[in-house]
Amino acid sequence: MNDLMQLLYFLLATLVTLGLFVVSFLLHELGHALVIALLRGKEAVLEIRAGSLTFYRGKILRVGILPIWGYVRFDEENVPPSDWRLIFVAGPAASLFTAYLFLVLHHFSAMLGFPENWHQVFGIMALANFALAGFNLIPIPPLDGWKIVESWLPLVGIRLSQEARAQMNKWGMIFIMVVSFGFVAIHGFHH
């Protein structure tokens, strides 16, 4: 029976951890969506997606169980570059805000009566959200950092077609996946 309980606790911990990561991705994307709605009106937000293997499908919101990626779809072509900068910095800013919320929970979890393992989870989630904010600011397509850089390109006479942007996003995503899997293959999950 003890082995069964350990397995159940492990499965519960895995589901809770995945859930917290999905919430982190969702809050990141909601940061983008909030700024789009403030600048362009809430009807300008066409789709908000966080995670894959969708388990919730609303009018414009899709939430998946695997925290692999997320995005907000809006009419990028009709948004001025100055708005792009605000929109694409908003996701990392939301991740920083979420990281600090987890730090507060980490700091006060013992006083609030949470078990020790929750204290650790809150600390890990704070670090994960700091990492999510920093990672998204790397200027590689399709990350937020690239979108911010891309918003400055018209000022130097560079205008990317939709096809060129789609190709850059595809190859950027492939590059990110290869580097990520290579890092894990070389260093493992526990480094």
C-alpha atoms as a PDB file:
ATOM      1  CA  MET A   1       0.000   0.000   0.000  1.00  0.00           C
ATOM      2  CA  ASN A   2       2.904   2.357   0.734  1.00  0.00           C
ATOM      3  CA  ASP A   3       4.163   2.014  -2.876  1.00  0.00           C
ATOM      4  CA  LEU A   4       0.696   2.794  -4.187  1.00  0.00           C
ATOM      5  CA  MET A   5       0.474   5.938  -2.028  1.00  0.00           C
ATOM      6  CA  GLN A   6       3.909   7.072  -3.215  1.00  0.00           C
ATOM      7  CA  LEU A   7       2.828   6.581  -6.820  1.00  0.00           C
ATOM      8  CA  LEU A   8      -0.381   8.537  -6.217  1.00  0.00           C
ATOM      9  CA  TYR A   9       1.535  11.383  -4.535  1.00  0.00           C
ATOM     10  CA  PHE A  10       4.007  11.429  -7.422  1.00  0.00           C
ATOM     11  CA  LEU A  11       1.189  11.569  -9.990  1.00  0.00           C
ATOM     12  CA  LEU A  12      -0.573  14.330  -8.054  1.00  0.00           C
ATOM     13  CA  ALA A  13       2.665  16.312  -7.757  1.00  0.00           C
ATOM     14  CA  THR A  14       3.268  15.899 -11.494  1.00  0.00           C
ATOM     15  CA  LEU A  15      -0.242  17.128 -12.341  1.00  0.00           C
ATOM     16  CA  VAL A  16       0.013  20.084  -9.963  1.00  0.00           C
ATOM     17  CA  THR A  17       3.431  21.031 -11.363  1.00  0.00           C
ATOM     18  CA  LEU A  18       2.172  20.817 -14.952  1.00  0.00           C
ATOM     19  CA  GLY A  19      -0.839  22.878 -13.921  1.00  0.00           C
ATOM     20  CA  LEU A  20       1.339  25.585 -12.364  1.00  0.00           C
ATOM     21  CA  PHE A  21       3.515  25.712 -15.483  1.00  0.00           C
ATOM     22  CA  VAL A  22       0.424  26.009 -17.697  1.00  0.00           C
ATOM     23  CA  VAL A  23      -0.875  28.809 -15.454  1.00  0.00           C
ATOM     24  CA  SER A  24       2.511  30.532 -15.816  1.00  0.00           C
ATOM     25  CA  PHE A  25       2.348  30.278 -19.616  1.00  0.00           C
ATOM     26  CA  LEU A  26      -1.258  31.477 -19.571  1.00  0.00           C
ATOM     27  CA  LEU A  27      -0.421  34.518 -17.423  1.00  0.00           C
ATOM     28  CA  HIS A  28       2.440  35.344 -19.798  1.00  0.00           C
ATOM     29  CA  GLU A  29       0.067  35.250 -22.776  1.00  0.00           C
ATOM     30  CA  LEU A  30      -2.621  37.169 -20.883  1.00  0.00           C
ATOM     31  CA  GLY A  31      -0.027  39.929 -20.370  1.00  0.00           C
ATOM     32  CA  HIS A  32       0.220  40.261 -24.160  1.00  0.00           C
ATOM     33  CA  ALA A  33      -3.576  40.059 -24.556  1.00  0.00           C
ATOM     34  CA  LEU A  34      -4.183  42.744 -21.924  1.00  0.00           C
ATOM     35  CA  VAL A  35      -1.937  45.245 -23.690  1.00  0.00           C
ATOM     36  CA  ILE A  36      -3.451  44.411 -27.094  1.00  0.00           C
ATOM     37  CA  ALA A  37      -6.922  44.977 -25.643  1.00  0.00           C
ATOM     38  CA  LEU A  38      -5.867  48.261 -24.001  1.00  0.00           C
ATOM     39  CA  LEU A  39      -4.205  49.583 -27.169  1.00  0.00           C
ATOM     40  CA  ARG A  40      -6.445  48.199 -29.918  1.00  0.00           C
ATOM     41  CA  GLY A  41      -9.682  47.153 -28.175  1.00  0.00           C
ATOM     42  CA  LYS A  42     -10.609  43.748 -26.794  1.00  0.00           C
ATOM     43  CA  GLU A  43     -11.985  42.582 -30.155  1.00  0.00           C
ATOM     44  CA  ALA A  44      -8.418  42.860 -31.514  1.00  0.00           C
ATOM     45  CA  VAL A  45      -7.451  39.761 -29.483  1.00  0.00           C
ATOM     46  CA  LEU A  46      -8.329  36.908 -31.859  1.00  0.00           C
ATOM     47  CA  GLU A  47      -6.951  33.925 -29.921  1.00  0.00           C
ATOM     48  CA  ILE A  48      -5.071  33.204 -26.699  1.00  0.00           C
ATOM     49  CA  ARG A  49      -3.347  29.853 -26.465  1.00  0.00           C
ATOM     50  CA  ALA A  50      -1.241  28.391 -23.657  1.00  0.00           C
ATOM     51  CA  GLY A  51       0.073  24.837 -23.771  1.00  0.00           C
ATOM     52  CA  SER A  52      -0.583  21.921 -26.070  1.00  0.00           C
ATOM     53  CA  LEU A  53      -3.007  18.997 -25.901  1.00  0.00           C
ATOM     54  CA  THR A  54      -5.956  21.329 -25.368  1.00  0.00           C
ATOM     55  CA  PHE A  55      -8.228  20.497 -22.461  1.00  0.00           C
ATOM     56  CA  TYR A  56     -10.130  23.816 -22.370  1.00  0.00           C
ATOM     57  CA  ARG A  57     -11.537  25.485 -25.464  1.00  0.00           C
ATOM     58  CA  GLY A  58     -13.413  28.766 -25.025  1.00  0.00           C
ATOM     59  CA  LYS A  59     -14.439  31.449 -27.491  1.00  0.00           C
ATOM     60  CA  ILE A  60     -10.893  32.794 -27.917  1.00  0.00           C
ATOM     61  CA  LEU A  61      -9.029  30.941 -25.163  1.00  0.00           C
ATOM     62  CA  ARG A  62      -7.354  27.541 -25.586  1.00  0.00           C
ATOM     63  CA  VAL A  63      -5.496  25.937 -22.680  1.00  0.00           C
ATOM     64  CA  GLY A  64      -3.472  22.734 -22.964  1.00  0.00           C
ATOM     65  CA  ILE A  65      -2.054  20.401 -20.372  1.00  0.00           C
ATOM     66  CA  LEU A  66       1.566  20.458 -21.626  1.00  0.00           C
ATOM     67  CA  PRO A  67       3.354  23.782 -21.006  1.00  0.00           C
ATOM     68  CA  ILE A  68       5.370  23.800 -24.204  1.00  0.00           C
ATOM     69  CA  TRP A  69       4.381  27.055 -25.900  1.00  0.00           C
ATOM     70  CA  GLY A  70       1.765  29.752 -26.141  1.00  0.00           C
ATOM     71  CA  TYR A  71       0.803  32.738 -28.229  1.00  0.00           C
ATOM     72  CA  VAL A  72      -1.733  35.486 -28.711  1.00  0.00           C
ATOM     73  CA  ARG A  73      -3.059  35.934 -32.218  1.00  0.00           C
ATOM     74  CA  PHE A  74      -3.975  39.430 -33.360  1.00  0.00           C
ATOM     75  CA  ASP A  75      -3.806  41.435 -36.583  1.00  0.00           C
ATOM     76  CA  GLU A  76      -0.078  42.215 -36.421  1.00  0.00           C
ATOM     77  CA  GLU A  77      -0.041  43.894 -39.849  1.00  0.00           C
ATOM     78  CA  ASN A  78      -2.289  46.754 -38.696  1.00  0.00           C
ATOM     79  CA  VAL A  79      -0.495  47.471 -35.427  1.00  0.00           C
ATOM     80  CA  PRO A  80       2.188  50.180 -35.412  1.00  0.00           C
ATOM     81  CA  PRO A  81       5.723  49.206 -34.331  1.00  0.00           C
ATOM     82  CA  SER A  82       5.511  51.316 -31.159  1.00  0.00           C
ATOM     83  CA  ASP A  83       2.511  49.220 -30.055  1.00  0.00           C
ATOM     84  CA  TRP A  84       4.386  46.015 -30.961  1.00  0.00           C
ATOM     85  CA  ARG A  85       7.090  46.919 -28.471  1.00  0.00           C
ATOM     86  CA  LEU A  86       4.565  47.354 -25.669  1.00  0.00           C
ATOM     87  CA  ILE A  87       2.657  44.204 -26.620  1.00  0.00           C
ATOM     88  CA  PHE A  88       5.721  41.974 -26.778  1.00  0.00           C
ATOM     89  CA  VAL A  89       7.368  43.267 -23.615  1.00  0.00           C
ATOM     90  CA  ALA A  90       4.082  42.701 -21.737  1.00  0.00           C
ATOM     91  CA  GLY A  91       4.436  38.877 -21.734  1.00  0.00           C
ATOM     92  CA  PRO A  92       7.867  38.870 -20.064  1.00  0.00           C
ATOM     93  CA  ALA A  93       6.627  41.592 -17.677  1.00  0.00           C
ATOM     94  CA  ALA A  94       3.679  39.347 -16.740  1.00  0.00           C
ATOM     95  CA  SER A  95       6.133  36.474 -16.180  1.00  0.00           C
ATOM     96  CA  LEU A  96       8.214  38.676 -13.857  1.00  0.00           C
ATOM     97  CA  PHE A  97       5.068  39.643 -11.959  1.00  0.00           C
ATOM     98  CA  THR A  98       4.126  35.951 -11.663  1.00  0.00           C
ATOM     99  CA  ALA A  99       7.665  35.117 -10.488  1.00  0.00           C
ATOM    100  CA  TYR A 100       7.386  37.680  -7.699  1.00  0.00           C
ATOM    101  CA  LEU A 101       3.972  36.294  -6.691  1.00  0.00           C
ATOM    102  CA  PHE A 102       5.550  32.848  -6.366  1.00  0.00           C
ATOM    103  CA  LEU A 103       8.437  34.370  -4.380  1.00  0.00           C
ATOM    104  CA  VAL A 104       5.940  35.898  -1.952  1.00  0.00           C
ATOM    105  CA  LEU A 105       4.211  32.510  -1.617  1.00  0.00           C
ATOM    106  CA  HIS A 106       7.624  30.877  -1.171  1.00  0.00           C
ATOM    107  CA  HIS A 107       8.558  33.349   1.554  1.00  0.00           C
ATOM    108  CA  PHE A 108       5.265  33.162   3.469  1.00  0.00           C
ATOM    109  CA  SER A 109       4.288  29.529   2.781  1.00  0.00           C
ATOM    110  CA  ALA A 110       5.469  28.265   6.176  1.00  0.00           C
ATOM    111  CA  MET A 111       3.573  31.035   7.997  1.00  0.00           C
ATOM    112  CA  LEU A 112       0.474  30.213   5.934  1.00  0.00           C
ATOM    113  CA  GLY A 113       0.701  26.569   7.021  1.00  0.00           C
ATOM    114  CA  PHE A 114       1.758  25.040   3.708  1.00  0.00           C
ATOM    115  CA  PRO A 115       3.804  21.812   3.896  1.00  0.00           C
ATOM    116  CA  GLU A 116       7.553  22.050   3.221  1.00  0.00           C
ATOM    117  CA  ASN A 117       7.281  20.586  -0.290  1.00  0.00           C
ATOM    118  CA  TRP A 118       4.930  23.449  -1.298  1.00  0.00           C
ATOM    119  CA  HIS A 119       7.564  25.894  -0.079  1.00  0.00           C
ATOM    120  CA  GLN A 120       9.963  24.248  -2.546  1.00  0.00           C
ATOM    121  CA  VAL A 121       7.390  24.222  -5.371  1.00  0.00           C
ATOM    122  CA  PHE A 122       6.753  27.955  -4.962  1.00  0.00           C
ATOM    123  CA  GLY A 123      10.504  28.626  -5.091  1.00  0.00           C
ATOM    124  CA  ILE A 124      10.931  26.510  -8.220  1.00  0.00           C
ATOM    125  CA  MET A 125       7.968  28.209  -9.900  1.00  0.00           C
ATOM    126  CA  ALA A 126       9.446  31.626  -9.097  1.00  0.00           C
ATOM    127  CA  LEU A 127      12.703  30.593 -10.776  1.00  0.00           C
ATOM    128  CA  ALA A 128      10.804  29.089 -13.725  1.00  0.00           C
ATOM    129  CA  ASN A 129       8.918  32.338 -14.301  1.00  0.00           C
ATOM    130  CA  PHE A 130      12.117  34.395 -14.113  1.00  0.00           C
ATOM    131  CA  ALA A 131      13.558  31.992 -16.705  1.00  0.00           C
ATOM    132  CA  LEU A 132      10.421  32.273 -18.869  1.00  0.00           C
ATOM    133  CA  ALA A 133      10.710  36.073 -18.860  1.00  0.00           C
ATOM    134  CA  GLY A 134      14.427  36.014 -19.696  1.00  0.00           C
ATOM    135  CA  PHE A 135      14.166  33.280 -22.308  1.00  0.00           C
ATOM    136  CA  ASN A 136      11.370  35.114 -24.124  1.00  0.00           C
ATOM    137  CA  LEU A 137      13.516  38.229 -24.409  1.00  0.00           C
ATOM    138  CA  ILE A 138      16.161  36.398 -26.486  1.00  0.00           C
ATOM    139  CA  PRO A 139      16.011  37.902 -29.999  1.00  0.00           C
ATOM    140  CA  ILE A 140      15.332  34.654 -31.883  1.00  0.00           C
ATOM    141  CA  PRO A 141      12.149  34.284 -33.943  1.00  0.00           C
ATOM    142  CA  PRO A 142       9.392  33.694 -32.814  1.00  0.00           C
ATOM    143  CA  LEU A 143      10.250  34.795 -29.261  1.00  0.00           C
ATOM    144  CA  ASP A 144       9.152  38.141 -27.833  1.00  0.00           C
ATOM    145  CA  GLY A 145      12.698  39.502 -27.975  1.00  0.00           C
ATOM    146  CA  TRP A 146      12.731  38.993 -31.745  1.00  0.00           C
ATOM    147  CA  LYS A 147       9.326  40.683 -32.113  1.00  0.00           C
ATOM    148  CA  ILE A 148      10.696  43.711 -30.259  1.00  0.00           C
ATOM    149  CA  VAL A 149      13.776  43.784 -32.547  1.00  0.00           C
ATOM    150  CA  GLU A 150      11.529  43.273 -35.577  1.00  0.00           C
ATOM    151  CA  SER A 151       9.478  46.334 -34.577  1.00  0.00           C
ATOM    152  CA  TRP A 152      12.582  48.487 -35.098  1.00  0.00           C
ATOM    153  CA  LEU A 153      13.447  47.086 -38.561  1.00  0.00           C
ATOM    154  CA  PRO A 154      11.154  49.435 -40.553  1.00  0.00           C
ATOM    155  CA  LEU A 155      13.058  52.387 -39.061  1.00  0.00           C
ATOM    156  CA  VAL A 156      16.200  51.145 -40.856  1.00  0.00           C
ATOM    157  CA  GLY A 157      14.339  50.365 -44.087  1.00  0.00           C
ATOM    158  CA  ILE A 158      13.798  46.624 -43.596  1.00  0.00           C
ATOM    159  CA  ARG A 159      10.283  45.352 -44.171  1.00  0.00           C
ATOM    160  CA  LEU A 160       9.711  41.624 -43.829  1.00  0.00           C
ATOM    161  CA  SER A 161       6.976  39.983 -45.864  1.00  0.00           C
ATOM    162  CA  GLN A 162       4.530  37.647 -44.151  1.00  0.00           C
ATOM    163  CA  GLU A 163       6.217  34.732 -45.946  1.00  0.00           C
ATOM    164  CA  ALA A 164       9.678  35.779 -44.735  1.00  0.00           C
ATOM    165  CA  ARG A 165       8.374  36.187 -41.174  1.00  0.00           C
ATOM    166  CA  ALA A 166       6.710  32.757 -41.307  1.00  0.00           C
ATOM    167  CA  GLN A 167       9.951  31.143 -42.511  1.00  0.00           C
ATOM    168  CA  MET A 168      12.019  32.920 -39.850  1.00  0.00           C
ATOM    169  CA  ASN A 169       9.561  31.824 -37.151  1.00  0.00           C
ATOM    170  CA  LYS A 170       9.638  28.219 -38.387  1.00  0.00           C
ATOM    171  CA  TRP A 171      13.439  28.016 -38.531  1.00  0.00           C
ATOM    172  CA  GLY A 172      13.792  29.906 -35.252  1.00  0.00           C
ATOM    173  CA  MET A 173      11.501  27.404 -33.548  1.00  0.00           C
ATOM    174  CA  ILE A 174      13.463  24.490 -35.002  1.00  0.00           C
ATOM    175  CA  PHE A 175      16.705  26.106 -33.770  1.00  0.00           C
ATOM    176  CA  ILE A 176      15.249  26.577 -30.253  1.00  0.00           C
ATOM    177  CA  MET A 177      14.066  22.955 -30.106  1.00  0.00           C
ATOM    178  CA  VAL A 178      17.392  21.537 -31.353  1.00  0.00           C
ATOM    179  CA  VAL A 179      19.403  23.641 -28.882  1.00  0.00           C
ATOM    180  CA  SER A 180      17.006  22.785 -26.021  1.00  0.00           C
ATOM    181  CA  PHE A 181      17.074  19.036 -26.698  1.00  0.00           C
ATOM    182  CA  GLY A 182      20.841  19.171 -27.210  1.00  0.00           C
ATOM    183  CA  PHE A 183      21.307  20.934 -23.876  1.00  0.00           C
ATOM    184  CA  VAL A 184      19.179  18.344 -22.080  1.00  0.00           C
ATOM    185  CA  ALA A 185      20.978  15.491 -23.881  1.00  0.00           C
ATOM    186  CA  ILE A 186      24.382  16.834 -22.807  1.00  0.00           C
ATOM    187  CA  HIS A 187      23.586  18.086 -19.308  1.00  0.00           C
ATOM    188  CA  GLY A 188      20.486  16.128 -18.302  1.00  0.00           C
ATOM    189  CA  PHE A 189      17.477  17.469 -16.433  1.00  0.00           C
ATOM    190  CA  HIS A 190      19.213  17.973 -13.082  1.00  0.00           C
ATOM    191  CA  HIS A 191      22.002  20.424 -13.966  1.00  0.00           C
END
